[in-house]
PDB file of N, CA and C in Angstrom:
ATOM      1  N   MET A   1       5.195  -7.225  25.875  1.00  0.00           N
ATOM      2  CA  MET A   1       4.244  -6.881  26.905  1.00  0.00           C
ATOM      3  C   MET A   1       4.571  -5.491  27.442  1.00  0.00           C
ATOM      4  N   ILE A   2       3.553  -4.737  27.700  1.00  0.00           N
ATOM      5  CA  ILE A   2       3.757  -3.396  28.234  1.00  0.00           C
ATOM      6  C   ILE A   2       3.296  -3.284  29.682  1.00  0.00           C
ATOM      7  N   ALA A   3       2.750  -4.368  30.232  1.00  0.00           N
ATOM      8  CA  ALA A   3       2.300  -4.358  31.624  1.00  0.00           C
ATOM      9  C   ALA A   3       2.350  -5.774  32.183  1.00  0.00           C
ATOM     10  N   GLY A   4       2.324  -5.879  33.497  1.00  0.00           N
ATOM     11  CA  GLY A   4       2.308  -7.182  34.145  1.00  0.00           C
ATOM     12  C   GLY A   4       3.690  -7.583  34.629  1.00  0.00           C
ATOM     13  N   LYS A   5       3.781  -8.808  35.125  1.00  0.00           N
ATOM     14  CA  LYS A   5       5.044  -9.268  35.707  1.00  0.00           C
ATOM     15  C   LYS A   5       6.134  -9.486  34.666  1.00  0.00           C
ATOM     16  N   ASP A   6       5.769  -9.648  33.396  1.00  0.00           N
ATOM     17  CA  ASP A   6       6.739  -9.847  32.323  1.00  0.00           C
ATOM     18  C   ASP A   6       6.882  -8.605  31.453  1.00  0.00           C
ATOM     19  N   LYS A   7       6.722  -7.429  32.037  1.00  0.00           N
ATOM     20  CA  LYS A   7       6.798  -6.167  31.297  1.00  0.00           C
ATOM     21  C   LYS A   7       8.156  -6.031  30.614  1.00  0.00           C
ATOM     22  N   GLY A   8       8.140  -5.641  29.334  1.00  0.00           N
ATOM     23  CA  GLY A   8       9.365  -5.449  28.574  1.00  0.00           C
ATOM     24  C   GLY A   8       9.801  -6.669  27.788  1.00  0.00           C
ATOM     25  N   LYS A   9       9.228  -7.824  28.061  1.00  0.00           N
ATOM     26  CA  LYS A   9       9.595  -9.045  27.339  1.00  0.00           C
ATOM     27  C   LYS A   9       8.718  -9.183  26.102  1.00  0.00           C
ATOM     28  N   SER A  10       9.158 -10.029  25.175  1.00  0.00           N
ATOM     29  CA  SER A  10       8.370 -10.230  23.958  1.00  0.00           C
ATOM     30  C   SER A  10       8.259 -11.717  23.648  1.00  0.00           C
ATOM     31  N   GLY A  11       7.253 -12.056  22.889  1.00  0.00           N
ATOM     32  CA  GLY A  11       7.007 -13.434  22.480  1.00  0.00           C
ATOM     33  C   GLY A  11       5.960 -13.448  21.388  1.00  0.00           C
ATOM     34  N   LEU A  12       5.654 -14.632  20.897  1.00  0.00           N
ATOM     35  CA  LEU A  12       4.668 -14.780  19.835  1.00  0.00           C
ATOM     36  C   LEU A  12       3.290 -15.059  20.426  1.00  0.00           C
ATOM     37  N   ILE A  13       2.282 -14.419  19.866  1.00  0.00           N
ATOM     38  CA  ILE A  13       0.906 -14.682  20.281  1.00  0.00           C
ATOM     39  C   ILE A  13       0.457 -15.952  19.578  1.00  0.00           C
ATOM     40  N   TYR A  14       0.032 -16.964  20.353  1.00  0.00           N
ATOM     41  CA  TYR A  14      -0.400 -18.191  19.705  1.00  0.00           C
ATOM     42  C   TYR A  14      -1.852 -18.541  19.969  1.00  0.00           C
ATOM     43  N   ARG A  15      -2.568 -17.738  20.732  1.00  0.00           N
ATOM     44  CA  ARG A  15      -4.007 -17.965  20.904  1.00  0.00           C
ATOM     45  C   ARG A  15      -4.666 -16.640  21.229  1.00  0.00           C
ATOM     46  N   VAL A  16      -5.829 -16.393  20.636  1.00  0.00           N
ATOM     47  CA  VAL A  16      -6.561 -15.149  20.835  1.00  0.00           C
ATOM     48  C   VAL A  16      -7.998 -15.486  21.211  1.00  0.00           C
ATOM     49  N   PHE A  17      -8.523 -14.786  22.214  1.00  0.00           N
ATOM     50  CA  PHE A  17      -9.916 -14.926  22.624  1.00  0.00           C
ATOM     51  C   PHE A  17     -10.599 -13.579  22.395  1.00  0.00           C
ATOM     52  N   PRO A  18     -11.115 -13.315  21.173  1.00  0.00           N
ATOM     53  CA  PRO A  18     -11.623 -11.986  20.840  1.00  0.00           C
ATOM     54  C   PRO A  18     -12.841 -11.541  21.644  1.00  0.00           C
ATOM     55  N   LYS A  19     -13.701 -12.459  22.041  1.00  0.00           N
ATOM     56  CA  LYS A  19     -14.900 -12.063  22.793  1.00  0.00           C
ATOM     57  C   LYS A  19     -14.555 -11.563  24.188  1.00  0.00           C
ATOM     58  N   ARG A  20     -13.457 -12.067  24.744  1.00  0.00           N
ATOM     59  CA  ARG A  20     -13.052 -11.663  26.092  1.00  0.00           C
ATOM     60  C   ARG A  20     -11.850 -10.727  26.079  1.00  0.00           C
ATOM     61  N   ASP A  21     -11.352 -10.345  24.895  1.00  0.00           N
ATOM     62  CA  ASP A  21     -10.190  -9.459  24.724  1.00  0.00           C
ATOM     63  C   ASP A  21      -8.951  -9.993  25.436  1.00  0.00           C
ATOM     64  N   LEU A  22      -8.690 -11.292  25.298  1.00  0.00           N
ATOM     65  CA  LEU A  22      -7.535 -11.913  25.918  1.00  0.00           C
ATOM     66  C   LEU A  22      -6.629 -12.518  24.856  1.00  0.00           C
ATOM     67  N   VAL A  23      -5.333 -12.570  25.137  1.00  0.00           N
ATOM     68  CA  VAL A  23      -4.370 -13.240  24.267  1.00  0.00           C
ATOM     69  C   VAL A  23      -3.448 -14.082  25.138  1.00  0.00           C
ATOM     70  N   ILE A  24      -2.890 -15.142  24.536  1.00  0.00           N
ATOM     71  CA  ILE A  24      -1.881 -15.953  25.200  1.00  0.00           C
ATOM     72  C   ILE A  24      -0.588 -15.766  24.422  1.00  0.00           C
ATOM     73  N   VAL A  25       0.455 -15.332  25.125  1.00  0.00           N
ATOM     74  CA  VAL A  25       1.761 -15.097  24.514  1.00  0.00           C
ATOM     75  C   VAL A  25       2.687 -16.219  24.968  1.00  0.00           C
ATOM     76  N   SER A  26       3.366 -16.848  24.008  1.00  0.00           N
ATOM     77  CA  SER A  26       4.220 -17.988  24.343  1.00  0.00           C
ATOM     78  C   SER A  26       5.384 -17.566  25.238  1.00  0.00           C
ATOM     79  N   GLY A  27       5.551 -18.289  26.340  1.00  0.00           N
ATOM     80  CA  GLY A  27       6.657 -18.043  27.255  1.00  0.00           C
ATOM     81  C   GLY A  27       6.454 -16.913  28.239  1.00  0.00           C
ATOM     82  N   LEU A  28       5.324 -16.217  28.190  1.00  0.00           N
ATOM     83  CA  LEU A  28       5.076 -15.097  29.099  1.00  0.00           C
ATOM     84  C   LEU A  28       3.822 -15.359  29.925  1.00  0.00           C
ATOM     85  N   ASN A  29       3.751 -14.707  31.085  1.00  0.00           N
ATOM     86  CA  ASN A  29       2.642 -14.860  32.030  1.00  0.00           C
ATOM     87  C   ASN A  29       2.461 -16.332  32.403  1.00  0.00           C
ATOM     88  N   MET A  30       3.576 -16.971  32.766  1.00  0.00           N
ATOM     89  CA  MET A  30       3.571 -18.397  33.076  1.00  0.00           C
ATOM     90  C   MET A  30       3.055 -18.656  34.495  1.00  0.00           C
ATOM     91  N   LEU A  31       2.396 -19.790  34.654  1.00  0.00           N
ATOM     92  CA  LEU A  31       1.840 -20.216  35.931  1.00  0.00           C
ATOM     93  C   LEU A  31       2.264 -21.656  36.162  1.00  0.00           C
ATOM     94  N   LYS A  32       2.617 -21.990  37.387  1.00  0.00           N
ATOM     95  CA  LYS A  32       2.970 -23.374  37.701  1.00  0.00           C
ATOM     96  C   LYS A  32       1.693 -24.140  38.001  1.00  0.00           C
ATOM     97  N   LYS A  33       1.470 -25.235  37.279  1.00  0.00           N
ATOM     98  CA  LYS A  33       0.271 -26.049  37.431  1.00  0.00           C
ATOM     99  C   LYS A  33       0.670 -27.404  37.988  1.00  0.00           C
ATOM    100  N   HIS A  34       0.039 -27.821  39.076  1.00  0.00           N
ATOM    101  CA  HIS A  34       0.337 -29.108  39.700  1.00  0.00           C
ATOM    102  C   HIS A  34      -0.587 -30.173  39.122  1.00  0.00           C
ATOM    103  N   HIS A  35       0.018 -31.240  38.603  1.00  0.00           N
ATOM    104  CA  HIS A  35      -0.760 -32.358  38.065  1.00  0.00           C
ATOM    105  C   HIS A  35      -0.583 -33.554  38.985  1.00  0.00           C
ATOM    106  N   ARG A  36      -1.681 -34.127  39.383  1.00  0.00           N
ATOM    107  CA  ARG A  36      -1.597 -35.295  40.240  1.00  0.00           C
ATOM    108  C   ARG A  36      -1.474 -36.553  39.385  1.00  0.00           C
ATOM    109  N   PRO A  37      -0.950 -37.627  39.936  1.00  0.00           N
ATOM    110  CA  PRO A  37      -0.803 -38.850  39.153  1.00  0.00           C
ATOM    111  C   PRO A  37      -2.160 -39.444  38.801  1.00  0.00           C
ATOM    112  N   ARG A  38      -2.302 -39.899  37.572  1.00  0.00           N
ATOM    113  CA  ARG A  38      -3.573 -40.486  37.116  1.00  0.00           C
ATOM    114  C   ARG A  38      -3.600 -41.995  37.323  1.00  0.00           C
ATOM    115  N   LYS A  39      -2.483 -42.661  37.078  1.00  0.00           N
ATOM    116  CA  LYS A  39      -2.412 -44.119  37.210  1.00  0.00           C
ATOM    117  C   LYS A  39      -1.515 -44.469  38.391  1.00  0.00           C
ATOM    118  N   SER A  40      -1.650 -45.686  38.879  1.00  0.00           N
ATOM    119  CA  SER A  40      -0.776 -46.110  39.965  1.00  0.00           C
ATOM    120  C   SER A  40       0.643 -46.281  39.421  1.00  0.00           C
ATOM    121  N   GLY A  41       1.625 -45.838  40.175  1.00  0.00           N
ATOM    122  CA  GLY A  41       3.009 -45.910  39.740  1.00  0.00           C
ATOM    123  C   GLY A  41       3.461 -44.670  38.979  1.00  0.00           C
ATOM    124  N   GLU A  42       2.527 -43.838  38.554  1.00  0.00           N
ATOM    125  CA  GLU A  42       2.870 -42.608  37.837  1.00  0.00           C
ATOM    126  C   GLU A  42       3.159 -41.515  38.859  1.00  0.00           C
ATOM    127  N   LYS A  43       4.094 -40.630  38.514  1.00  0.00           N
ATOM    128  CA  LYS A  43       4.442 -39.547  39.427  1.00  0.00           C
ATOM    129  C   LYS A  43       3.670 -38.286  39.082  1.00  0.00           C
ATOM    130  N   GLY A  44       3.394 -37.492  40.107  1.00  0.00           N
ATOM    131  CA  GLY A  44       2.814 -36.179  39.881  1.00  0.00           C
ATOM    132  C   GLY A  44       3.887 -35.248  39.345  1.00  0.00           C
ATOM    133  N   GLN A  45       3.471 -34.163  38.743  1.00  0.00           N
ATOM    134  CA  GLN A  45       4.454 -33.244  38.179  1.00  0.00           C
ATOM    135  C   GLN A  45       3.958 -31.812  38.250  1.00  0.00           C
ATOM    136  N   ILE A  46       4.900 -30.899  38.127  1.00  0.00           N
ATOM    137  CA  ILE A  46       4.584 -29.479  38.082  1.00  0.00           C
ATOM    138  C   ILE A  46       4.961 -28.987  36.689  1.00  0.00           C
ATOM    139  N   ILE A  47       3.989 -28.437  35.971  1.00  0.00           N
ATOM    140  CA  ILE A  47       4.266 -27.953  34.621  1.00  0.00           C
ATOM    141  C   ILE A  47       4.010 -26.450  34.560  1.00  0.00           C
ATOM    142  N   ASP A  48       4.719 -25.777  33.656  1.00  0.00           N
ATOM    143  CA  ASP A  48       4.506 -24.346  33.425  1.00  0.00           C
ATOM    144  C   ASP A  48       3.459 -24.188  32.338  1.00  0.00           C
ATOM    145  N   LYS A  49       2.504 -23.305  32.586  1.00  0.00           N
ATOM    146  CA  LYS A  49       1.409 -23.094  31.643  1.00  0.00           C
ATOM    147  C   LYS A  49       1.282 -21.594  31.380  1.00  0.00           C
ATOM    148  N   ALA A  50       1.201 -21.205  30.099  1.00  0.00           N
ATOM    149  CA  ALA A  50       1.024 -19.795  29.737  1.00  0.00           C
ATOM    150  C   ALA A  50      -0.437 -19.425  29.951  1.00  0.00           C
ATOM    151  N   MET A  51      -0.663 -18.369  30.702  1.00  0.00           N
ATOM    152  CA  MET A  51      -2.015 -17.930  31.005  1.00  0.00           C
ATOM    153  C   MET A  51      -2.372 -16.712  30.155  1.00  0.00           C
ATOM    154  N   PRO A  52      -3.679 -16.485  29.917  1.00  0.00           N
ATOM    155  CA  PRO A  52      -4.090 -15.335  29.101  1.00  0.00           C
ATOM    156  C   PRO A  52      -3.833 -14.010  29.801  1.00  0.00           C
ATOM    157  N   ILE A  53      -3.631 -12.984  28.990  1.00  0.00           N
ATOM    158  CA  ILE A  53      -3.454 -11.623  29.477  1.00  0.00           C
ATOM    159  C   ILE A  53      -4.324 -10.727  28.610  1.00  0.00           C
ATOM    160  N   HIS A  54      -4.793  -9.622  29.172  1.00  0.00           N
ATOM    161  CA  HIS A  54      -5.674  -8.731  28.418  1.00  0.00           C
ATOM    162  C   HIS A  54      -4.935  -8.150  27.218  1.00  0.00           C
ATOM    163  N   ALA A  55      -5.648  -8.014  26.119  1.00  0.00           N
ATOM    164  CA  ALA A  55      -5.046  -7.562  24.863  1.00  0.00           C
ATOM    165  C   ALA A  55      -4.490  -6.146  24.954  1.00  0.00           C
ATOM    166  N   SER A  56      -4.995  -5.335  25.879  1.00  0.00           N
ATOM    167  CA  SER A  56      -4.484  -3.966  26.013  1.00  0.00           C
ATOM    168  C   SER A  56      -3.090  -3.925  26.630  1.00  0.00           C
ATOM    169  N   ASN A  57      -2.626  -5.039  27.187  1.00  0.00           N
ATOM    170  CA  ASN A  57      -1.314  -5.089  27.824  1.00  0.00           C
ATOM    171  C   ASN A  57      -0.216  -5.597  26.903  1.00  0.00           C
ATOM    172  N   VAL A  58      -0.525  -5.782  25.625  1.00  0.00           N
ATOM    173  CA  VAL A  58       0.485  -6.202  24.653  1.00  0.00           C
ATOM    174  C   VAL A  58       0.481  -5.240  23.476  1.00  0.00           C
ATOM    175  N   MET A  59       1.643  -5.099  22.837  1.00  0.00           N
ATOM    176  CA  MET A  59       1.771  -4.250  21.655  1.00  0.00           C
ATOM    177  C   MET A  59       2.565  -4.980  20.588  1.00  0.00           C
ATOM    178  N   ILE A  60       2.380  -4.557  19.346  1.00  0.00           N
ATOM    179  CA  ILE A  60       3.123  -5.115  18.226  1.00  0.00           C
ATOM    180  C   ILE A  60       4.514  -4.485  18.209  1.00  0.00           C
ATOM    181  N   ILE A  61       5.517  -5.297  17.861  1.00  0.00           N
ATOM    182  CA  ILE A  61       6.886  -4.799  17.736  1.00  0.00           C
ATOM    183  C   ILE A  61       7.094  -4.288  16.314  1.00  0.00           C
ATOM    184  N   ASP A  62       7.602  -3.063  16.194  1.00  0.00           N
ATOM    185  CA  ASP A  62       7.889  -2.477  14.887  1.00  0.00           C
ATOM    186  C   ASP A  62       9.096  -3.184  14.281  1.00  0.00           C
ATOM    187  N   SER A  63       8.970  -3.624  13.028  1.00  0.00           N
ATOM    188  CA  SER A  63      10.044  -4.385  12.392  1.00  0.00           C
ATOM    189  C   SER A  63      11.277  -3.533  12.115  1.00  0.00           C
ATOM    190  N   GLU A  64      11.112  -2.238  11.987  1.00  0.00           N
ATOM    191  CA  GLU A  64      12.235  -1.357  11.679  1.00  0.00           C
ATOM    192  C   GLU A  64      13.010  -0.957  12.928  1.00  0.00           C
ATOM    193  N   SER A  65      12.310  -0.477  13.955  1.00  0.00           N
ATOM    194  CA  SER A  65      12.993   0.028  15.154  1.00  0.00           C
ATOM    195  C   SER A  65      13.096  -1.005  16.269  1.00  0.00           C
ATOM    196  N   LYS A  66      12.426  -2.150  16.146  1.00  0.00           N
ATOM    197  CA  LYS A  66      12.419  -3.217  17.159  1.00  0.00           C
ATOM    198  C   LYS A  66      11.890  -2.738  18.504  1.00  0.00           C
ATOM    199  N   LYS A  67      10.955  -1.767  18.474  1.00  0.00           N
ATOM    200  CA  LYS A  67      10.333  -1.245  19.681  1.00  0.00           C
ATOM    201  C   LYS A  67       8.824  -1.385  19.570  1.00  0.00           C
ATOM    202  N   PRO A  68       8.095  -1.409  20.712  1.00  0.00           N
ATOM    203  CA  PRO A  68       6.637  -1.491  20.658  1.00  0.00           C
ATOM    204  C   PRO A  68       6.041  -0.282  19.947  1.00  0.00           C
ATOM    205  N   THR A  69       4.995  -0.528  19.165  1.00  0.00           N
ATOM    206  CA  THR A  69       4.357   0.547  18.418  1.00  0.00           C
ATOM    207  C   THR A  69       2.850   0.357  18.394  1.00  0.00           C
ATOM    208  N   ARG A  70       2.161   1.473  18.223  1.00  0.00           N
ATOM    209  CA  ARG A  70       0.724   1.400  18.042  1.00  0.00           C
ATOM    210  C   ARG A  70       0.427   1.071  16.585  1.00  0.00           C
ATOM    211  N   VAL A  71      -0.793   0.633  16.325  1.00  0.00           N
ATOM    212  CA  VAL A  71      -1.181   0.250  14.970  1.00  0.00           C
ATOM    213  C   VAL A  71      -2.235   1.224  14.471  1.00  0.00           C
ATOM    214  N   GLY A  72      -2.061   1.692  13.239  1.00  0.00           N
ATOM    215  CA  GLY A  72      -3.035   2.564  12.603  1.00  0.00           C
ATOM    216  C   GLY A  72      -3.556   1.906  11.333  1.00  0.00           C
ATOM    217  N   ARG A  73      -4.516   2.554  10.687  1.00  0.00           N
ATOM    218  CA  ARG A  73      -5.062   2.037   9.430  1.00  0.00           C
ATOM    219  C   ARG A  73      -4.948   3.114   8.368  1.00  0.00           C
ATOM    220  N   LYS A  74      -4.733   2.665   7.133  1.00  0.00           N
ATOM    221  CA  LYS A  74      -4.543   3.577   6.020  1.00  0.00           C
ATOM    222  C   LYS A  74      -5.266   3.007   4.802  1.00  0.00           C
ATOM    223  N   LEU A  75      -5.917   3.880   4.052  1.00  0.00           N
ATOM    224  CA  LEU A  75      -6.649   3.457   2.867  1.00  0.00           C
ATOM    225  C   LEU A  75      -5.703   3.452   1.669  1.00  0.00           C
ATOM    226  N   VAL A  76      -5.483   2.268   1.108  1.00  0.00           N
ATOM    227  CA  VAL A  76      -4.596   2.120  -0.056  1.00  0.00           C
ATOM    228  C   VAL A  76      -5.321   1.289  -1.107  1.00  0.00           C
ATOM    229  N   GLY A  77      -5.560   1.886  -2.240  1.00  0.00           N
ATOM    230  CA  GLY A  77      -6.191   1.160  -3.335  1.00  0.00           C
ATOM    231  C   GLY A  77      -7.587   0.648  -3.026  1.00  0.00           C
ATOM    232  N   GLY A  78      -8.337   1.384  -2.245  1.00  0.00           N
ATOM    233  CA  GLY A  78      -9.713   0.980  -1.934  1.00  0.00           C
ATOM    234  C   GLY A  78      -9.838  -0.011  -0.791  1.00  0.00           C
ATOM    235  N   ARG A  79      -8.735  -0.350  -0.132  1.00  0.00           N
ATOM    236  CA  ARG A  79      -8.827  -1.264   1.012  1.00  0.00           C
ATOM    237  C   ARG A  79      -7.958  -0.748   2.155  1.00  0.00           C
ATOM    238  N   LEU A  80      -8.351  -1.083   3.363  1.00  0.00           N
ATOM    239  CA  LEU A  80      -7.624  -0.637   4.541  1.00  0.00           C
ATOM    240  C   LEU A  80      -6.473  -1.588   4.840  1.00  0.00           C
ATOM    241  N   ILE A  81      -5.308  -1.036   5.123  1.00  0.00           N
ATOM    242  CA  ILE A  81      -4.183  -1.845   5.565  1.00  0.00           C
ATOM    243  C   ILE A  81      -3.736  -1.341   6.923  1.00  0.00           C
ATOM    244  N   ARG A  82      -3.130  -2.224   7.713  1.00  0.00           N
ATOM    245  CA  ARG A  82      -2.615  -1.833   9.024  1.00  0.00           C
ATOM    246  C   ARG A  82      -1.199  -1.304   8.856  1.00  0.00           C
ATOM    247  N   ILE A  83      -0.902  -0.191   9.548  1.00  0.00           N
ATOM    248  CA  ILE A  83       0.428   0.390   9.478  1.00  0.00           C
ATOM    249  C   ILE A  83       0.972   0.607  10.875  1.00  0.00           C
ATOM    250  N   SER A  84       2.290   0.662  10.980  1.00  0.00           N
ATOM    251  CA  SER A  84       2.969   0.972  12.235  1.00  0.00           C
ATOM    252  C   SER A  84       2.973   2.477  12.404  1.00  0.00           C
ATOM    253  N   ARG A  85       2.621   2.950  13.600  1.00  0.00           N
ATOM    254  CA  ARG A  85       2.587   4.399  13.850  1.00  0.00           C
ATOM    255  C   ARG A  85       3.999   4.987  13.945  1.00  0.00           C
ATOM    256  N   LYS A  86       4.982   4.199  14.366  1.00  0.00           N
ATOM    257  CA  LYS A  86       6.347   4.724  14.508  1.00  0.00           C
ATOM    258  C   LYS A  86       7.033   4.912  13.164  1.00  0.00           C
ATOM    259  N   SER A  87       6.950   3.884  12.290  1.00  0.00           N
ATOM    260  CA  SER A  87       7.676   3.966  11.025  1.00  0.00           C
ATOM    261  C   SER A  87       6.780   4.231   9.823  1.00  0.00           C
ATOM    262  N   GLY A  88       5.479   4.016   9.938  1.00  0.00           N
ATOM    263  CA  GLY A  88       4.557   4.216   8.834  1.00  0.00           C
ATOM    264  C   GLY A  88       4.521   3.063   7.846  1.00  0.00           C
ATOM    265  N   ARG A  89       5.261   2.007   8.131  1.00  0.00           N
ATOM    266  CA  ARG A  89       5.280   0.840   7.253  1.00  0.00           C
ATOM    267  C   ARG A  89       4.111  -0.094   7.529  1.00  0.00           C
ATOM    268  N   GLU A  90       3.809  -0.931   6.533  1.00  0.00           N
ATOM    269  CA  GLU A  90       2.732  -1.906   6.665  1.00  0.00           C
ATOM    270  C   GLU A  90       3.128  -2.992   7.674  1.00  0.00           C
ATOM    271  N   VAL A  91       2.154  -3.388   8.504  1.00  0.00           N
ATOM    272  CA  VAL A  91       2.399  -4.411   9.518  1.00  0.00           C
ATOM    273  C   VAL A  91       2.113  -5.771   8.923  1.00  0.00           C
TER     274      VAL A  91
END
């Protein structure tokens, strides 16, 4: 993440909402959610839930330098591939 309360931390993206430009990153941007008991005798609980963050606030980690990098595109063999701007390697 490059912005927000978890700036500088990293995690895996496990859900993407392309129409709204949002992503959910595992373990980051957590929110405490209160659940009330559904049945009699059951206890209420507080659970941590990962909330979406705008896609512009996350970056891909470069596999070579282990730092955030921008993504570019390069034409190779008639098709576009994504490359890391820092190292020039394929993402």
